[in-house]
Amino acid sequence: MRLKAEIWVKAYVRRCAVEGVAAVVVRHGDDDAGAIFIRINRLDGTSLLFGPAPAGLDGAEHDRRWVAHYPMPGAPDEKVDDMLAREYGFDRDLWLVEVEDRAGRAFLEDWMAPVH
């Protein structure tokens, strides 16, 4: 059974705080099963964006898995804003957590989906 979205987000924000990195919930989605997007704002006009991995991946039914929409060094903030606006238009129940870290750390290493 997968953790509820609200619990996962709270744990993730806490994980960032332990690392000394600011993370805030910008958009509060469905408490139980809302899709979660994580934006890493590099504070230089670029951001990284991680979103839910496609359905059907091994282990995804029990654990959340992530894919990078814009890998390092990131994409211009405007491009990330546009993508998030499209996602929100499609799914009003999504979560958005924004992390501010110049190094681009996401703390998602254990949850990244395998790249094929």
PDB file of N, CA and C in Angstrom:
ATOM      1  N   MET A   1       0.838  -1.180   0.000  1.00  0.00           N
ATOM      2  CA  MET A   1       0.000   0.000   0.000  1.00  0.00           C
ATOM      3  C   MET A   1       0.885   1.246   0.000  1.00  0.00           C
ATOM      4  N   ARG A   2       0.574   2.170  -0.843  1.00  0.00           N
ATOM      5  CA  ARG A   2       1.352   3.394  -1.004  1.00  0.00           C
ATOM      6  C   ARG A   2       0.959   4.419   0.063  1.00  0.00           C
ATOM      7  N   LEU A   3       1.949   5.176   0.549  1.00  0.00           N
ATOM      8  CA  LEU A   3       1.676   6.254   1.500  1.00  0.00           C
ATOM      9  C   LEU A   3       0.749   7.286   0.881  1.00  0.00           C
ATOM     10  N   LYS A   4      -0.112   7.855   1.691  1.00  0.00           N
ATOM     11  CA  LYS A   4      -0.961   8.941   1.220  1.00  0.00           C
ATOM     12  C   LYS A   4      -0.080  10.117   0.812  1.00  0.00           C
ATOM     13  N   ALA A   5      -0.549  10.878  -0.164  1.00  0.00           N
ATOM     14  CA  ALA A   5       0.231  11.999  -0.695  1.00  0.00           C
ATOM     15  C   ALA A   5       0.596  12.993   0.410  1.00  0.00           C
ATOM     16  N   GLU A   6      -0.345  13.320   1.273  1.00  0.00           N
ATOM     17  CA  GLU A   6      -0.090  14.294   2.328  1.00  0.00           C
ATOM     18  C   GLU A   6       1.038  13.835   3.258  1.00  0.00           C
ATOM     19  N   ILE A   7       1.050  12.587   3.614  1.00  0.00           N
ATOM     20  CA  ILE A   7       2.094  12.054   4.502  1.00  0.00           C
ATOM     21  C   ILE A   7       3.441  12.075   3.793  1.00  0.00           C
ATOM     22  N   TRP A   8       3.471  11.669   2.516  1.00  0.00           N
ATOM     23  CA  TRP A   8       4.727  11.662   1.763  1.00  0.00           C
ATOM     24  C   TRP A   8       5.290  13.077   1.667  1.00  0.00           C
ATOM     25  N   VAL A   9       4.430  14.051   1.355  1.00  0.00           N
ATOM     26  CA  VAL A   9       4.885  15.435   1.215  1.00  0.00           C
ATOM     27  C   VAL A   9       5.445  15.952   2.535  1.00  0.00           C
ATOM     28  N   LYS A  10       4.754  15.699   3.629  1.00  0.00           N
ATOM     29  CA  LYS A  10       5.245  16.151   4.935  1.00  0.00           C
ATOM     30  C   LYS A  10       6.609  15.540   5.246  1.00  0.00           C
ATOM     31  N   ALA A  11       6.779  14.265   4.948  1.00  0.00           N
ATOM     32  CA  ALA A  11       8.066  13.609   5.191  1.00  0.00           C
ATOM     33  C   ALA A  11       9.158  14.188   4.292  1.00  0.00           C
ATOM     34  N   TYR A  12       8.820  14.472   3.048  1.00  0.00           N
ATOM     35  CA  TYR A  12       9.799  15.035   2.118  1.00  0.00           C
ATOM     36  C   TYR A  12      10.236  16.435   2.555  1.00  0.00           C
ATOM     37  N   VAL A  13       9.289  17.266   2.947  1.00  0.00           N
ATOM     38  CA  VAL A  13       9.619  18.615   3.421  1.00  0.00           C
ATOM     39  C   VAL A  13      10.516  18.520   4.645  1.00  0.00           C
ATOM     40  N   ARG A  14      10.219  17.586   5.517  1.00  0.00           N
ATOM     41  CA  ARG A  14      11.059  17.370   6.715  1.00  0.00           C
ATOM     42  C   ARG A  14      12.464  16.922   6.311  1.00  0.00           C
ATOM     43  N   ARG A  15      12.569  16.031   5.336  1.00  0.00           N
ATOM     44  CA  ARG A  15      13.877  15.555   4.840  1.00  0.00           C
ATOM     45  C   ARG A  15      14.710  16.723   4.335  1.00  0.00           C
ATOM     46  N   CYS A  16      14.084  17.618   3.600  1.00  0.00           N
ATOM     47  CA  CYS A  16      14.791  18.801   3.111  1.00  0.00           C
ATOM     48  C   CYS A  16      15.258  19.669   4.275  1.00  0.00           C
ATOM     49  N   ALA A  17      14.396  19.852   5.265  1.00  0.00           N
ATOM     50  CA  ALA A  17      14.753  20.678   6.426  1.00  0.00           C
ATOM     51  C   ALA A  17      15.947  20.095   7.164  1.00  0.00           C
ATOM     52  N   VAL A  18      15.993  18.783   7.287  1.00  0.00           N
ATOM     53  CA  VAL A  18      17.129  18.117   7.948  1.00  0.00           C
ATOM     54  C   VAL A  18      18.426  18.427   7.217  1.00  0.00           C
ATOM     55  N   GLU A  19      18.351  18.575   5.897  1.00  0.00           N
ATOM     56  CA  GLU A  19      19.529  18.893   5.082  1.00  0.00           C
ATOM     57  C   GLU A  19      19.826  20.397   5.056  1.00  0.00           C
ATOM     58  N   GLY A  20      18.998  21.185   5.742  1.00  0.00           N
ATOM     59  CA  GLY A  20      19.206  22.634   5.779  1.00  0.00           C
ATOM     60  C   GLY A  20      18.729  23.353   4.534  1.00  0.00           C
ATOM     61  N   VAL A  21      17.790  22.743   3.819  1.00  0.00           N
ATOM     62  CA  VAL A  21      17.284  23.288   2.563  1.00  0.00           C
ATOM     63  C   VAL A  21      15.810  23.650   2.731  1.00  0.00           C
ATOM     64  N   ALA A  22      15.441  24.832   2.262  1.00  0.00           N
ATOM     65  CA  ALA A  22      14.049  25.282   2.354  1.00  0.00           C
ATOM     66  C   ALA A  22      13.178  24.542   1.343  1.00  0.00           C
ATOM     67  N   ALA A  23      12.045  24.038   1.812  1.00  0.00           N
ATOM     68  CA  ALA A  23      11.052  23.400   0.947  1.00  0.00           C
ATOM     69  C   ALA A  23       9.677  23.827   1.432  1.00  0.00           C
ATOM     70  N   VAL A  24       8.835  24.256   0.510  1.00  0.00           N
ATOM     71  CA  VAL A  24       7.493  24.700   0.869  1.00  0.00           C
ATOM     72  C   VAL A  24       6.464  24.065  -0.065  1.00  0.00           C
ATOM     73  N   VAL A  25       5.294  23.857   0.471  1.00  0.00           N
ATOM     74  CA  VAL A  25       4.183  23.362  -0.337  1.00  0.00           C
ATOM     75  C   VAL A  25       3.550  24.576  -1.008  1.00  0.00           C
ATOM     76  N   VAL A  26       3.687  24.640  -2.320  1.00  0.00           N
ATOM     77  CA  VAL A  26       3.154  25.751  -3.107  1.00  0.00           C
ATOM     78  C   VAL A  26       1.703  25.475  -3.485  1.00  0.00           C
ATOM     79  N   ARG A  27       1.392  24.221  -3.752  1.00  0.00           N
ATOM     80  CA  ARG A  27       0.034  23.825  -4.114  1.00  0.00           C
ATOM     81  C   ARG A  27      -0.304  22.554  -3.354  1.00  0.00           C
ATOM     82  N   HIS A  28      -1.395  22.607  -2.601  1.00  0.00           N
ATOM     83  CA  HIS A  28      -1.852  21.470  -1.807  1.00  0.00           C
ATOM     84  C   HIS A  28      -2.857  20.686  -2.627  1.00  0.00           C
ATOM     85  N   GLY A  29      -2.526  19.457  -2.948  1.00  0.00           N
ATOM     86  CA  GLY A  29      -3.404  18.624  -3.755  1.00  0.00           C
ATOM     87  C   GLY A  29      -4.270  17.720  -2.915  1.00  0.00           C
ATOM     88  N   ASP A  30      -4.781  16.688  -3.539  1.00  0.00           N
ATOM     89  CA  ASP A  30      -5.613  15.708  -2.858  1.00  0.00           C
ATOM     90  C   ASP A  30      -4.790  15.005  -1.775  1.00  0.00           C
ATOM     91  N   ASP A  31      -5.315  14.965  -0.557  1.00  0.00           N
ATOM     92  CA  ASP A  31      -4.579  14.398   0.571  1.00  0.00           C
ATOM     93  C   ASP A  31      -4.224  12.929   0.384  1.00  0.00           C
ATOM     94  N   ASP A  32      -5.076  12.198  -0.288  1.00  0.00           N
ATOM     95  CA  ASP A  32      -4.855  10.758  -0.396  1.00  0.00           C
ATOM     96  C   ASP A  32      -4.009  10.349  -1.590  1.00  0.00           C
ATOM     97  N   ALA A  33      -4.364  10.831  -2.759  1.00  0.00           N
ATOM     98  CA  ALA A  33      -3.719  10.289  -3.958  1.00  0.00           C
ATOM     99  C   ALA A  33      -3.327  11.342  -4.982  1.00  0.00           C
ATOM    100  N   GLY A  34      -3.183  12.582  -4.588  1.00  0.00           N
ATOM    101  CA  GLY A  34      -2.803  13.612  -5.546  1.00  0.00           C
ATOM    102  C   GLY A  34      -1.415  13.372  -6.118  1.00  0.00           C
ATOM    103  N   ALA A  35      -1.251  13.681  -7.391  1.00  0.00           N
ATOM    104  CA  ALA A  35       0.075  13.600  -8.015  1.00  0.00           C
ATOM    105  C   ALA A  35       0.961  14.664  -7.382  1.00  0.00           C
ATOM    106  N   ILE A  36       2.232  14.336  -7.197  1.00  0.00           N
ATOM    107  CA  ILE A  36       3.165  15.250  -6.550  1.00  0.00           C
ATOM    108  C   ILE A  36       4.247  15.646  -7.536  1.00  0.00           C
ATOM    109  N   PHE A  37       4.451  16.952  -7.688  1.00  0.00           N
ATOM    110  CA  PHE A  37       5.547  17.482  -8.484  1.00  0.00           C
ATOM    111  C   PHE A  37       6.504  18.198  -7.549  1.00  0.00           C
ATOM    112  N   ILE A  38       7.780  18.038  -7.818  1.00  0.00           N
ATOM    113  CA  ILE A  38       8.804  18.673  -7.000  1.00  0.00           C
ATOM    114  C   ILE A  38       9.653  19.544  -7.913  1.00  0.00           C
ATOM    115  N   ARG A  39       9.670  20.839  -7.576  1.00  0.00           N
ATOM    116  CA  ARG A  39      10.450  21.809  -8.339  1.00  0.00           C
ATOM    117  C   ARG A  39      11.662  22.189  -7.500  1.00  0.00           C
ATOM    118  N   ILE A  40      12.832  22.065  -8.091  1.00  0.00           N
ATOM    119  CA  ILE A  40      14.058  22.494  -7.435  1.00  0.00           C
ATOM    120  C   ILE A  40      14.458  23.817  -8.066  1.00  0.00           C
ATOM    121  N   ASN A  41      14.227  24.901  -7.353  1.00  0.00           N
ATOM    122  CA  ASN A  41      14.563  26.232  -7.837  1.00  0.00           C
ATOM    123  C   ASN A  41      16.041  26.470  -7.527  1.00  0.00           C
ATOM    124  N   ARG A  42      16.839  26.637  -8.578  1.00  0.00           N
ATOM    125  CA  ARG A  42      18.287  26.801  -8.398  1.00  0.00           C
ATOM    126  C   ARG A  42      18.669  28.251  -8.121  1.00  0.00           C
ATOM    127  N   LEU A  43      17.664  29.133  -8.050  1.00  0.00           N
ATOM    128  CA  LEU A  43      17.866  30.534  -7.687  1.00  0.00           C
ATOM    129  C   LEU A  43      18.776  31.288  -8.661  1.00  0.00           C
ATOM    130  N   ASP A  44      18.833  30.786  -9.894  1.00  0.00           N
ATOM    131  CA  ASP A  44      19.626  31.452 -10.926  1.00  0.00           C
ATOM    132  C   ASP A  44      18.814  31.616 -12.213  1.00  0.00           C
ATOM    133  N   GLY A  45      17.490  31.496 -12.079  1.00  0.00           N
ATOM    134  CA  GLY A  45      16.626  31.592 -13.251  1.00  0.00           C
ATOM    135  C   GLY A  45      16.327  30.254 -13.895  1.00  0.00           C
ATOM    136  N   THR A  46      16.831  29.159 -13.280  1.00  0.00           N
ATOM    137  CA  THR A  46      16.556  27.821 -13.789  1.00  0.00           C
ATOM    138  C   THR A  46      15.995  26.950 -12.669  1.00  0.00           C
ATOM    139  N   SER A  47      15.274  25.920 -13.081  1.00  0.00           N
ATOM    140  CA  SER A  47      14.712  24.965 -12.134  1.00  0.00           C
ATOM    141  C   SER A  47      14.793  23.563 -12.710  1.00  0.00           C
ATOM    142  N   LEU A  48      14.820  22.604 -11.817  1.00  0.00           N
ATOM    143  CA  LEU A  48      14.650  21.199 -12.164  1.00  0.00           C
ATOM    144  C   LEU A  48      13.211  20.848 -11.824  1.00  0.00           C
ATOM    145  N   LEU A  49      12.648  19.858 -12.484  1.00  0.00           N
ATOM    146  CA  LEU A  49      11.287  19.448 -12.177  1.00  0.00           C
ATOM    147  C   LEU A  49      11.216  17.936 -12.182  1.00  0.00           C
ATOM    148  N   PHE A  50      10.663  17.401 -11.112  1.00  0.00           N
ATOM    149  CA  PHE A  50      10.455  15.965 -10.983  1.00  0.00           C
ATOM    150  C   PHE A  50       8.964  15.718 -10.828  1.00  0.00           C
ATOM    151  N   GLY A  51       8.483  14.711 -11.541  1.00  0.00           N
ATOM    152  CA  GLY A  51       7.070  14.361 -11.474  1.00  0.00           C
ATOM    153  C   GLY A  51       6.897  12.869 -11.336  1.00  0.00           C
ATOM    154  N   PRO A  52       5.664  12.442 -11.169  1.00  0.00           N
ATOM    155  CA  PRO A  52       5.394  11.013 -11.004  1.00  0.00           C
ATOM    156  C   PRO A  52       5.849  10.218 -12.222  1.00  0.00           C
ATOM    157  N   ALA A  53       6.445   9.075 -11.952  1.00  0.00           N
ATOM    158  CA  ALA A  53       6.844   8.173 -13.034  1.00  0.00           C
ATOM    159  C   ALA A  53       5.588   7.588 -13.678  1.00  0.00           C
ATOM    160  N   PRO A  54       5.667   7.201 -14.934  1.00  0.00           N
ATOM    161  CA  PRO A  54       4.509   6.606 -15.603  1.00  0.00           C
ATOM    162  C   PRO A  54       4.009   5.369 -14.875  1.00  0.00           C
ATOM    163  N   ALA A  55       2.720   5.147 -14.951  1.00  0.00           N
ATOM    164  CA  ALA A  55       2.113   3.965 -14.330  1.00  0.00           C
ATOM    165  C   ALA A  55       2.692   2.691 -14.947  1.00  0.00           C
ATOM    166  N   GLY A  56       2.724   1.649 -14.154  1.00  0.00           N
ATOM    167  CA  GLY A  56       3.177   0.361 -14.649  1.00  0.00           C
ATOM    168  C   GLY A  56       4.627   0.031 -14.367  1.00  0.00           C
ATOM    169  N   LEU A  57       5.383   0.949 -13.775  1.00  0.00           N
ATOM    170  CA  LEU A  57       6.771   0.649 -13.442  1.00  0.00           C
ATOM    171  C   LEU A  57       6.841  -0.313 -12.258  1.00  0.00           C
ATOM    172  N   ASP A  58       7.863  -1.146 -12.229  1.00  0.00           N
ATOM    173  CA  ASP A  58       8.039  -2.071 -11.122  1.00  0.00           C
ATOM    174  C   ASP A  58       8.111  -1.317  -9.808  1.00  0.00           C
ATOM    175  N   GLY A  59       7.300  -1.726  -8.858  1.00  0.00           N
ATOM    176  CA  GLY A  59       7.321  -1.144  -7.530  1.00  0.00           C
ATOM    177  C   GLY A  59       6.505   0.119  -7.385  1.00  0.00           C
ATOM    178  N   ALA A  60       6.036   0.703  -8.482  1.00  0.00           N
ATOM    179  CA  ALA A  60       5.317   1.978  -8.405  1.00  0.00           C
ATOM    180  C   ALA A  60       3.964   1.848  -7.725  1.00  0.00           C
ATOM    181  N   GLU A  61       3.420   0.631  -7.688  1.00  0.00           N
ATOM    182  CA  GLU A  61       2.131   0.474  -7.025  1.00  0.00           C
ATOM    183  C   GLU A  61       2.271   0.547  -5.503  1.00  0.00           C
ATOM    184  N   HIS A  62       3.488   0.336  -4.986  1.00  0.00           N
ATOM    185  CA  HIS A  62       3.727   0.380  -3.543  1.00  0.00           C
ATOM    186  C   HIS A  62       4.544   1.593  -3.117  1.00  0.00           C
ATOM    187  N   ASP A  63       5.315   2.132  -4.007  1.00  0.00           N
ATOM    188  CA  ASP A  63       6.234   3.221  -3.707  1.00  0.00           C
ATOM    189  C   ASP A  63       6.097   4.300  -4.764  1.00  0.00           C
ATOM    190  N   ARG A  64       6.265   5.526  -4.378  1.00  0.00           N
ATOM    191  CA  ARG A  64       6.275   6.595  -5.377  1.00  0.00           C
ATOM    192  C   ARG A  64       7.609   6.551  -6.114  1.00  0.00           C
ATOM    193  N   ARG A  65       7.564   6.759  -7.396  1.00  0.00           N
ATOM    194  CA  ARG A  65       8.746   6.834  -8.242  1.00  0.00           C
ATOM    195  C   ARG A  65       8.706   8.143  -9.002  1.00  0.00           C
ATOM    196  N   TRP A  66       9.892   8.680  -9.317  1.00  0.00           N
ATOM    197  CA  TRP A  66      10.011   9.995  -9.926  1.00  0.00           C
ATOM    198  C   TRP A  66      10.796   9.949 -11.221  1.00  0.00           C
ATOM    199  N   VAL A  67      10.458  10.855 -12.108  1.00  0.00           N
ATOM    200  CA  VAL A  67      11.232  11.069 -13.329  1.00  0.00           C
ATOM    201  C   VAL A  67      11.571  12.551 -13.404  1.00  0.00           C
ATOM    202  N   ALA A  68      12.724  12.840 -13.967  1.00  0.00           N
ATOM    203  CA  ALA A  68      13.141  14.229 -14.163  1.00  0.00           C
ATOM    204  C   ALA A  68      12.566  14.723 -15.478  1.00  0.00           C
ATOM    205  N   HIS A  69      11.820  15.800 -15.415  1.00  0.00           N
ATOM    206  CA  HIS A  69      11.303  16.418 -16.639  1.00  0.00           C
ATOM    207  C   HIS A  69      12.370  17.299 -17.268  1.00  0.00           C
ATOM    208  N   TYR A  70      13.181  17.921 -16.434  1.00  0.00           N
ATOM    209  CA  TYR A  70      14.294  18.753 -16.888  1.00  0.00           C
ATOM    210  C   TYR A  70      15.495  18.401 -16.022  1.00  0.00           C
ATOM    211  N   PRO A  71      16.381  17.570 -16.518  1.00  0.00           N
ATOM    212  CA  PRO A  71      17.557  17.201 -15.717  1.00  0.00           C
ATOM    213  C   PRO A  71      18.550  18.353 -15.623  1.00  0.00           C
ATOM    214  N   MET A  72      19.629  18.132 -14.894  1.00  0.00           N
ATOM    215  CA  MET A  72      20.666  19.149 -14.723  1.00  0.00           C
ATOM    216  C   MET A  72      21.124  19.636 -16.078  1.00  0.00           C
ATOM    217  N   PRO A  73      21.366  20.867 -16.283  1.00  0.00           N
ATOM    218  CA  PRO A  73      21.382  21.948 -15.297  1.00  0.00           C
ATOM    219  C   PRO A  73      20.021  22.580 -15.070  1.00  0.00           C
ATOM    220  N   GLY A  74      18.953  22.012 -15.628  1.00  0.00           N
ATOM    221  CA  GLY A  74      17.619  22.558 -15.442  1.00  0.00           C
ATOM    222  C   GLY A  74      17.141  23.285 -16.677  1.00  0.00           C
ATOM    223  N   ALA A  75      15.974  23.883 -16.544  1.00  0.00           N
ATOM    224  CA  ALA A  75      15.357  24.627 -17.637  1.00  0.00           C
ATOM    225  C   ALA A  75      15.036  26.031 -17.138  1.00  0.00           C
ATOM    226  N   PRO A  76      14.862  26.971 -18.056  1.00  0.00           N
ATOM    227  CA  PRO A  76      14.471  28.317 -17.620  1.00  0.00           C
ATOM    228  C   PRO A  76      13.172  28.257 -16.808  1.00  0.00           C
ATOM    229  N   ASP A  77      13.097  29.077 -15.781  1.00  0.00           N
ATOM    230  CA  ASP A  77      11.924  29.080 -14.907  1.00  0.00           C
ATOM    231  C   ASP A  77      10.620  29.237 -15.675  1.00  0.00           C
ATOM    232  N   GLU A  78      10.612  30.051 -16.729  1.00  0.00           N
ATOM    233  CA  GLU A  78       9.398  30.271 -17.507  1.00  0.00           C
ATOM    234  C   GLU A  78       8.914  28.967 -18.148  1.00  0.00           C
ATOM    235  N   LYS A  79       9.827  28.171 -18.633  1.00  0.00           N
ATOM    236  CA  LYS A  79       9.471  26.895 -19.257  1.00  0.00           C
ATOM    237  C   LYS A  79       8.874  25.940 -18.224  1.00  0.00           C
ATOM    238  N   VAL A  80       9.454  25.912 -17.036  1.00  0.00           N
ATOM    239  CA  VAL A  80       8.936  25.064 -15.961  1.00  0.00           C
ATOM    240  C   VAL A  80       7.559  25.572 -15.525  1.00  0.00           C
ATOM    241  N   ASP A  81       7.412  26.896 -15.415  1.00  0.00           N
ATOM    242  CA  ASP A  81       6.110  27.474 -15.060  1.00  0.00           C
ATOM    243  C   ASP A  81       5.037  27.061 -16.068  1.00  0.00           C
ATOM    244  N   ASP A  82       5.371  27.102 -17.345  1.00  0.00           N
ATOM    245  CA  ASP A  82       4.414  26.729 -18.385  1.00  0.00           C
ATOM    246  C   ASP A  82       4.002  25.267 -18.264  1.00  0.00           C
ATOM    247  N   MET A  83       4.962  24.393 -18.029  1.00  0.00           N
ATOM    248  CA  MET A  83       4.635  22.971 -17.899  1.00  0.00           C
ATOM    249  C   MET A  83       3.744  22.730 -16.688  1.00  0.00           C
ATOM    250  N   LEU A  84       4.070  23.370 -15.575  1.00  0.00           N
ATOM    251  CA  LEU A  84       3.251  23.198 -14.374  1.00  0.00           C
ATOM    252  C   LEU A  84       1.834  23.737 -14.578  1.00  0.00           C
ATOM    253  N   ALA A  85       1.697  24.825 -15.309  1.00  0.00           N
ATOM    254  CA  ALA A  85       0.366  25.368 -15.600  1.00  0.00           C
ATOM    255  C   ALA A  85      -0.446  24.378 -16.434  1.00  0.00           C
ATOM    256  N   ARG A  86       0.201  23.731 -17.412  1.00  0.00           N
ATOM    257  CA  ARG A  86      -0.491  22.715 -18.216  1.00  0.00           C
ATOM    258  C   ARG A  86      -0.912  21.535 -17.348  1.00  0.00           C
ATOM    259  N   GLU A  87      -0.008  21.076 -16.482  1.00  0.00           N
ATOM    260  CA  GLU A  87      -0.330  19.950 -15.592  1.00  0.00           C
ATOM    261  C   GLU A  87      -1.496  20.301 -14.683  1.00  0.00           C
ATOM    262  N   TYR A  88      -1.492  21.516 -14.140  1.00  0.00           N
ATOM    263  CA  TYR A  88      -2.562  21.934 -13.251  1.00  0.00           C
ATOM    264  C   TYR A  88      -3.890  22.028 -14.006  1.00  0.00           C
ATOM    265  N   GLY A  89      -3.848  22.454 -15.252  1.00  0.00           N
ATOM    266  CA  GLY A  89      -5.062  22.490 -16.063  1.00  0.00           C
ATOM    267  C   GLY A  89      -5.641  21.106 -16.287  1.00  0.00           C
ATOM    268  N   PHE A  90      -4.776  20.118 -16.310  1.00  0.00           N
ATOM    269  CA  PHE A  90      -5.177  18.727 -16.514  1.00  0.00           C
ATOM    270  C   PHE A  90      -5.598  18.064 -15.201  1.00  0.00           C
ATOM    271  N   ASP A  91      -4.920  18.394 -14.101  1.00  0.00           N
ATOM    272  CA  ASP A  91      -5.150  17.730 -12.815  1.00  0.00           C
ATOM    273  C   ASP A  91      -5.151  18.764 -11.694  1.00  0.00           C
ATOM    274  N   ARG A  92      -6.318  19.190 -11.274  1.00  0.00           N
ATOM    275  CA  ARG A  92      -6.446  20.217 -10.240  1.00  0.00           C
ATOM    276  C   ARG A  92      -6.099  19.680  -8.849  1.00  0.00           C
ATOM    277  N   ASP A  93      -5.897  18.373  -8.703  1.00  0.00           N
ATOM    278  CA  ASP A  93      -5.581  17.774  -7.409  1.00  0.00           C
ATOM    279  C   ASP A  93      -4.086  17.561  -7.182  1.00  0.00           C
ATOM    280  N   LEU A  94      -3.246  18.132  -8.037  1.00  0.00           N
ATOM    281  CA  LEU A  94      -1.811  17.881  -7.890  1.00  0.00           C
ATOM    282  C   LEU A  94      -1.197  18.717  -6.773  1.00  0.00           C
ATOM    283  N   TRP A  95      -0.109  18.194  -6.259  1.00  0.00           N
ATOM    284  CA  TRP A  95       0.711  18.886  -5.259  1.00  0.00           C
ATOM    285  C   TRP A  95       1.904  19.497  -5.970  1.00  0.00           C
ATOM    286  N   LEU A  96       2.391  20.613  -5.437  1.00  0.00           N
ATOM    287  CA  LEU A  96       3.653  21.180  -5.901  1.00  0.00           C
ATOM    288  C   LEU A  96       4.467  21.567  -4.678  1.00  0.00           C
ATOM    289  N   VAL A  97       5.642  20.953  -4.581  1.00  0.00           N
ATOM    290  CA  VAL A  97       6.587  21.287  -3.519  1.00  0.00           C
ATOM    291  C   VAL A  97       7.757  21.990  -4.180  1.00  0.00           C
ATOM    292  N   GLU A  98       8.103  23.173  -3.675  1.00  0.00           N
ATOM    293  CA  GLU A  98       9.248  23.900  -4.230  1.00  0.00           C
ATOM    294  C   GLU A  98      10.386  23.899  -3.228  1.00  0.00           C
ATOM    295  N   VAL A  99      11.543  23.495  -3.720  1.00  0.00           N
ATOM    296  CA  VAL A  99      12.766  23.428  -2.932  1.00  0.00           C
ATOM    297  C   VAL A  99      13.713  24.488  -3.479  1.00  0.00           C
ATOM    298  N   GLU A 100      14.349  25.237  -2.607  1.00  0.00           N
ATOM    299  CA  GLU A 100      15.335  26.224  -3.050  1.00  0.00           C
ATOM    300  C   GLU A 100      16.724  25.709  -2.716  1.00  0.00           C
ATOM    301  N   ASP A 101      17.478  25.385  -3.769  1.00  0.00           N
ATOM    302  CA  ASP A 101      18.828  24.859  -3.565  1.00  0.00           C
ATOM    303  C   ASP A 101      19.673  25.155  -4.799  1.00  0.00           C
ATOM    304  N   ARG A 102      20.682  25.986  -4.628  1.00  0.00           N
ATOM    305  CA  ARG A 102      21.553  26.354  -5.753  1.00  0.00           C
ATOM    306  C   ARG A 102      22.258  25.144  -6.368  1.00  0.00           C
ATOM    307  N   ALA A 103      22.527  24.137  -5.559  1.00  0.00           N
ATOM    308  CA  ALA A 103      23.209  22.944  -6.060  1.00  0.00           C
ATOM    309  C   ALA A 103      22.269  22.008  -6.815  1.00  0.00           C
ATOM    310  N   GLY A 104      20.969  22.253  -6.736  1.00  0.00           N
ATOM    311  CA  GLY A 104      20.019  21.414  -7.465  1.00  0.00           C
ATOM    312  C   GLY A 104      19.737  20.078  -6.805  1.00  0.00           C
ATOM    313  N   ARG A 105      19.964  19.979  -5.501  1.00  0.00           N
ATOM    314  CA  ARG A 105      19.717  18.709  -4.813  1.00  0.00           C
ATOM    315  C   ARG A 105      18.218  18.481  -4.627  1.00  0.00           C
ATOM    316  N   ALA A 106      17.783  17.263  -4.935  1.00  0.00           N
ATOM    317  CA  ALA A 106      16.366  16.930  -4.818  1.00  0.00           C
ATOM    318  C   ALA A 106      16.098  15.928  -3.701  1.00  0.00           C
ATOM    319  N   PHE A 107      17.111  15.204  -3.261  1.00  0.00           N
ATOM    320  CA  PHE A 107      16.966  14.190  -2.210  1.00  0.00           C
ATOM    321  C   PHE A 107      15.969  13.100  -2.610  1.00  0.00           C
ATOM    322  N   LEU A 108      15.970  12.732  -3.884  1.00  0.00           N
ATOM    323  CA  LEU A 108      15.058  11.715  -4.407  1.00  0.00           C
ATOM    324  C   LEU A 108      15.796  10.477  -4.924  1.00  0.00           C
ATOM    325  N   GLU A 109      17.060  10.347  -4.621  1.00  0.00           N
ATOM    326  CA  GLU A 109      17.876   9.284  -5.206  1.00  0.00           C
ATOM    327  C   GLU A 109      17.250   7.899  -5.058  1.00  0.00           C
ATOM    328  N   ASP A 110      16.669   7.615  -3.914  1.00  0.00           N
ATOM    329  CA  ASP A 110      16.095   6.289  -3.678  1.00  0.00           C
ATOM    330  C   ASP A 110      14.765   6.068  -4.375  1.00  0.00           C
ATOM    331  N   TRP A 111      14.187   7.126  -4.913  1.00  0.00           N
ATOM    332  CA  TRP A 111      12.856   7.022  -5.522  1.00  0.00           C
ATOM    333  C   TRP A 111      12.851   7.283  -7.025  1.00  0.00           C
ATOM    334  N   MET A 112      14.002   7.465  -7.625  1.00  0.00           N
ATOM    335  CA  MET A 112      14.023   7.744  -9.069  1.00  0.00           C
ATOM    336  C   MET A 112      13.668   6.481  -9.860  1.00  0.00           C
ATOM    337  N   ALA A 113      12.868   6.660 -10.886  1.00  0.00           N
ATOM    338  CA  ALA A 113      12.515   5.545 -11.765  1.00  0.00           C
ATOM    339  C   ALA A 113      13.713   5.195 -12.632  1.00  0.00           C
ATOM    340  N   PRO A 114      13.862   3.930 -12.957  1.00  0.00           N
ATOM    341  CA  PRO A 114      14.974   3.558 -13.831  1.00  0.00           C
ATOM    342  C   PRO A 114      14.831   4.183 -15.210  1.00  0.00           C
ATOM    343  N   VAL A 115      15.944   4.624 -15.759  1.00  0.00           N
ATOM    344  CA  VAL A 115      15.946   5.220 -17.092  1.00  0.00           C
ATOM    345  C   VAL A 115      16.240   4.124 -18.099  1.00  0.00           C
ATOM    346  N   HIS A 116      15.391   4.023 -19.105  1.00  0.00           N
ATOM    347  CA  HIS A 116      15.589   2.995 -20.143  1.00  0.00           C
ATOM    348  C   HIS A 116      16.076   3.609 -21.403  1.00  0.00           C
TER     349      HIS A 116
END
